[in-house]
Amino acid sequence: MIVNNTFELGPEGWSSYDYHQSVVQREGKAIMVLTTHQKTGGIDDKGYVWTNEHVWTPDIPETPVSILPLIIYRNWTNEEPVDLRDTKVTVSLRGDGLELEGAECYFWVVCGMTRWHMNSEPFEIVEGAWPTSPATIQLTNDETLWHRSWSKDPSNATSLDDCLKNCVSYGFSFVGSTSAVRGKLSLGGFKIE
């Protein structure tokens, strides 16, 4: 097991990215808002974290524009970069009043200054209830199954292989919305193995 977030004691570093406040601050700092932790009400009435449209905003530099409602940097929890090649992600996502406006939910990875979304396997978000079983995807090291949405230096973007090999951040995105995504998104468990 590489990662096992159970949310028994807190949000374990999971946050939302507020791109617009990051720009407004003009200090070159990204604004991340820690998710809200609930001790009960999750899967089997255990802990979970949630976020909503009040703390996430579209990340305009991404192509296409993406919202990063659930994000974690490994160094926030004193963890080193991790090799995610040939691993699988297991997750339980729940929406409450979640209006995706045509967006799909993807898992993504970042290394250095490049982000890749696994757009070949969107996650289903159950509305108003926890899923009966968690969703699992295999992080296949094949660029045809992913989309590179951003690179600080597009002429020298990091390959998917290098991003998976040296992953410093990962999370979930909303991509493809026709208007603002609204509502509550909850994360009831997250594993990488």
Protein backbone atom coordinates (compact mmCIF):
# COMPACT_ATOMS: atom_id res chain seq x y z
CA MET A 1 0.00 0.00 0.00
CA ILE A 2 1.45 3.37 -1.06
CA VAL A 3 -1.36 5.60 0.25
CA ASN A 4 -4.37 4.83 2.43
CA ASN A 5 -6.46 7.87 3.40
CA THR A 6 -9.22 6.83 5.80
CA PHE A 7 -10.05 10.30 7.22
CA GLU A 8 -10.46 8.95 10.74
CA LEU A 9 -8.55 11.86 12.32
CA GLY A 10 -8.70 14.67 9.79
CA PRO A 11 -8.38 15.73 6.14
CA GLU A 12 -4.90 14.19 5.75
CA GLY A 13 -3.77 17.11 3.58
CA TRP A 14 -6.57 17.05 0.98
CA SER A 15 -7.45 20.55 -0.23
CA SER A 16 -9.15 22.48 -3.04
CA TYR A 17 -7.36 24.85 -5.42
CA ASP A 18 -8.62 28.42 -5.57
CA TYR A 19 -6.89 29.63 -8.73
CA HIS A 20 -8.63 33.02 -8.77
CA GLN A 21 -7.52 33.94 -5.25
CA SER A 22 -4.02 32.80 -6.17
CA VAL A 23 -4.03 35.36 -9.00
CA VAL A 24 -5.61 38.10 -6.86
CA GLN A 25 -2.96 37.70 -4.16
CA ARG A 26 -0.25 38.33 -6.79
CA GLU A 27 2.45 36.95 -4.55
CA GLY A 28 3.19 33.91 -6.69
CA LYS A 29 1.60 31.65 -4.09
CA ALA A 30 -1.06 29.09 -4.86
CA ILE A 31 -4.08 29.30 -2.57
CA MET A 32 -5.21 25.90 -1.31
CA VAL A 33 -8.19 25.56 1.00
CA LEU A 34 -8.16 22.55 3.32
CA THR A 35 -11.19 20.29 2.90
CA THR A 36 -13.73 20.07 5.70
CA HIS A 37 -13.44 16.94 7.83
CA GLN A 38 -16.45 15.08 9.23
CA LYS A 39 -15.82 12.39 11.88
CA THR A 40 -18.92 10.41 10.92
CA GLY A 41 -21.32 10.12 7.99
CA GLY A 42 -18.87 8.56 5.58
CA ILE A 43 -18.74 4.97 4.40
CA ASP A 44 -19.83 2.68 7.26
CA ASP A 45 -20.43 5.93 9.20
CA LYS A 46 -16.68 6.63 9.32
CA GLY A 47 -14.82 9.88 8.58
CA TYR A 48 -14.75 11.71 5.26
CA VAL A 49 -13.81 15.08 3.79
CA TRP A 50 -15.79 17.43 1.60
CA THR A 51 -15.46 20.61 -0.43
CA ASN A 52 -17.73 22.82 -2.53
CA GLU A 53 -17.82 25.59 -5.12
CA HIS A 54 -17.05 28.26 -2.51
CA VAL A 55 -13.40 27.14 -2.39
CA TRP A 56 -12.61 25.85 -5.90
CA THR A 57 -12.30 27.93 -9.05
CA PRO A 58 -11.39 27.13 -12.67
CA ASP A 59 -7.66 26.81 -13.34
CA ILE A 60 -7.54 29.03 -16.44
CA PRO A 61 -4.00 28.07 -17.62
CA GLU A 62 -5.12 24.45 -18.08
CA THR A 63 -6.23 23.33 -21.54
CA PRO A 64 -9.07 22.65 -21.42
CA VAL A 65 -9.92 24.71 -18.35
CA SER A 66 -9.99 22.44 -15.29
CA ILE A 67 -11.28 22.71 -11.75
CA LEU A 68 -9.15 20.99 -9.10
CA PRO A 69 -11.59 20.38 -6.23
CA LEU A 70 -9.45 17.70 -4.56
CA ILE A 71 -5.69 18.12 -4.54
CA ILE A 72 -2.80 17.01 -2.37
CA TYR A 73 0.92 17.63 -2.53
CA ARG A 74 2.89 14.83 -0.92
CA ASN A 75 5.28 17.25 0.79
CA TRP A 76 2.31 18.65 2.77
CA THR A 77 2.32 15.37 4.71
CA ASN A 78 6.13 15.04 4.74
CA GLU A 79 6.10 12.44 1.98
CA GLU A 80 8.62 12.12 -0.85
CA PRO A 81 7.63 11.92 -4.54
CA VAL A 82 6.16 8.53 -5.35
CA ASP A 83 6.40 6.12 -8.30
CA LEU A 84 2.82 5.53 -9.51
CA ARG A 85 3.67 3.42 -12.56
CA ASP A 86 1.62 0.23 -12.65
CA THR A 87 -0.41 1.12 -9.57
CA LYS A 88 -4.14 1.37 -9.05
CA VAL A 89 -6.27 4.06 -7.43
CA THR A 90 -9.34 3.12 -5.39
CA VAL A 91 -11.71 5.91 -4.38
CA SER A 92 -15.19 6.64 -3.07
CA LEU A 93 -16.67 9.92 -4.31
CA ARG A 94 -20.08 11.35 -3.45
CA GLY A 95 -21.95 14.39 -4.73
CA ASP A 96 -24.66 16.31 -2.93
CA GLY A 97 -26.41 18.82 -5.13
CA LEU A 98 -23.41 18.51 -7.44
CA GLU A 99 -24.12 20.15 -10.80
CA LEU A 100 -21.30 19.13 -13.15
CA GLU A 101 -22.66 21.10 -16.13
CA GLY A 102 -21.25 18.52 -18.55
CA ALA A 103 -17.89 18.09 -16.79
CA GLU A 104 -16.29 14.73 -16.16
CA CYS A 105 -14.21 13.81 -13.12
CA TYR A 106 -10.65 12.61 -13.76
CA PHE A 107 -7.66 11.53 -11.69
CA TRP A 108 -4.52 13.56 -12.44
CA VAL A 109 -0.83 13.62 -11.56
CA VAL A 110 1.79 16.37 -11.40
CA CYS A 111 5.55 16.22 -11.42
CA GLY A 112 7.78 19.20 -11.81
CA MET A 113 5.68 21.62 -13.81
CA THR A 114 3.43 19.34 -15.91
CA ARG A 115 -0.09 17.97 -15.23
CA TRP A 116 -1.59 14.86 -16.84
CA HIS A 117 -5.31 13.90 -16.50
CA MET A 118 -6.34 10.27 -17.05
CA ASN A 119 -9.24 11.27 -19.30
CA SER A 120 -9.82 7.73 -20.60
CA GLU A 121 -11.44 6.68 -17.30
CA PRO A 122 -13.78 9.29 -15.82
CA PHE A 123 -15.10 8.63 -12.33
CA GLU A 124 -18.79 8.33 -11.64
CA ILE A 125 -19.90 10.46 -8.72
CA VAL A 126 -22.95 9.05 -6.97
CA GLU A 127 -25.50 11.74 -6.10
CA GLY A 128 -26.79 11.85 -2.53
CA ALA A 129 -25.24 8.56 -1.38
CA TRP A 130 -21.91 6.80 -1.04
CA PRO A 131 -21.22 4.29 -3.82
CA THR A 132 -22.00 0.67 -2.97
CA SER A 133 -18.38 -0.17 -3.78
CA PRO A 134 -15.35 2.03 -4.44
CA ALA A 135 -14.22 2.78 -7.98
CA THR A 136 -10.81 1.53 -9.10
CA ILE A 137 -8.64 2.56 -12.04
CA GLN A 138 -5.29 1.24 -13.19
CA LEU A 139 -2.71 3.99 -13.76
CA THR A 140 -1.56 2.72 -17.12
CA ASN A 141 1.64 4.30 -18.40
CA ASP A 142 0.26 5.06 -21.89
CA GLU A 143 0.01 8.68 -23.04
CA THR A 144 -2.92 7.82 -25.35
CA LEU A 145 -5.03 7.23 -22.20
CA TRP A 146 -4.09 10.58 -20.64
CA HIS A 147 -4.27 14.27 -21.56
CA ARG A 148 -1.51 16.75 -20.78
CA SER A 149 -3.46 19.81 -19.66
CA TRP A 150 -0.65 22.08 -18.53
CA SER A 151 3.09 22.55 -18.55
CA LYS A 152 5.01 25.57 -17.37
CA ASP A 153 7.31 25.03 -20.36
CA PRO A 154 5.20 23.45 -23.15
CA SER A 155 8.27 23.07 -25.38
CA ASN A 156 9.89 20.92 -22.70
CA ALA A 157 6.93 19.22 -20.98
CA THR A 158 7.59 16.26 -18.71
CA SER A 159 6.56 12.91 -20.19
CA LEU A 160 3.82 10.85 -18.57
CA ASP A 161 6.38 8.18 -17.66
CA ASP A 162 8.51 10.71 -15.77
CA CYS A 163 5.42 12.23 -14.10
CA LEU A 164 4.19 8.86 -12.89
CA LYS A 165 7.71 7.90 -11.80
CA ASN A 166 8.25 11.10 -9.77
CA CYS A 167 4.75 12.17 -8.78
CA VAL A 168 4.67 15.04 -6.28
CA SER A 169 0.94 15.80 -6.42
CA TYR A 170 -2.32 14.18 -7.49
CA GLY A 171 -6.03 14.64 -7.17
CA PHE A 172 -9.35 14.87 -8.96
CA SER A 173 -10.49 17.36 -11.56
CA PHE A 174 -13.66 18.51 -13.26
CA VAL A 175 -13.02 19.03 -16.97
CA GLY A 176 -15.39 20.03 -19.77
CA SER A 177 -18.08 22.02 -17.96
CA THR A 178 -20.17 24.46 -19.98
CA SER A 179 -20.69 26.72 -16.94
CA ALA A 180 -19.77 26.88 -13.24
CA VAL A 181 -19.68 23.55 -11.41
CA ARG A 182 -21.64 23.85 -8.16
CA GLY A 183 -22.45 21.68 -5.19
CA LYS A 184 -20.66 19.49 -2.67
CA LEU A 185 -18.05 16.83 -3.45
CA SER A 186 -17.08 14.33 -0.74
CA LEU A 187 -14.18 11.90 -0.55
CA GLY A 188 -14.84 8.87 1.65
CA GLY A 189 -11.65 6.92 1.12
CA PHE A 190 -8.58 6.96 -1.12
CA LYS A 191 -5.95 4.29 -1.76
CA ILE A 192 -3.02 3.83 -4.09
CA GLU A 193 -1.57 0.33 -4.27
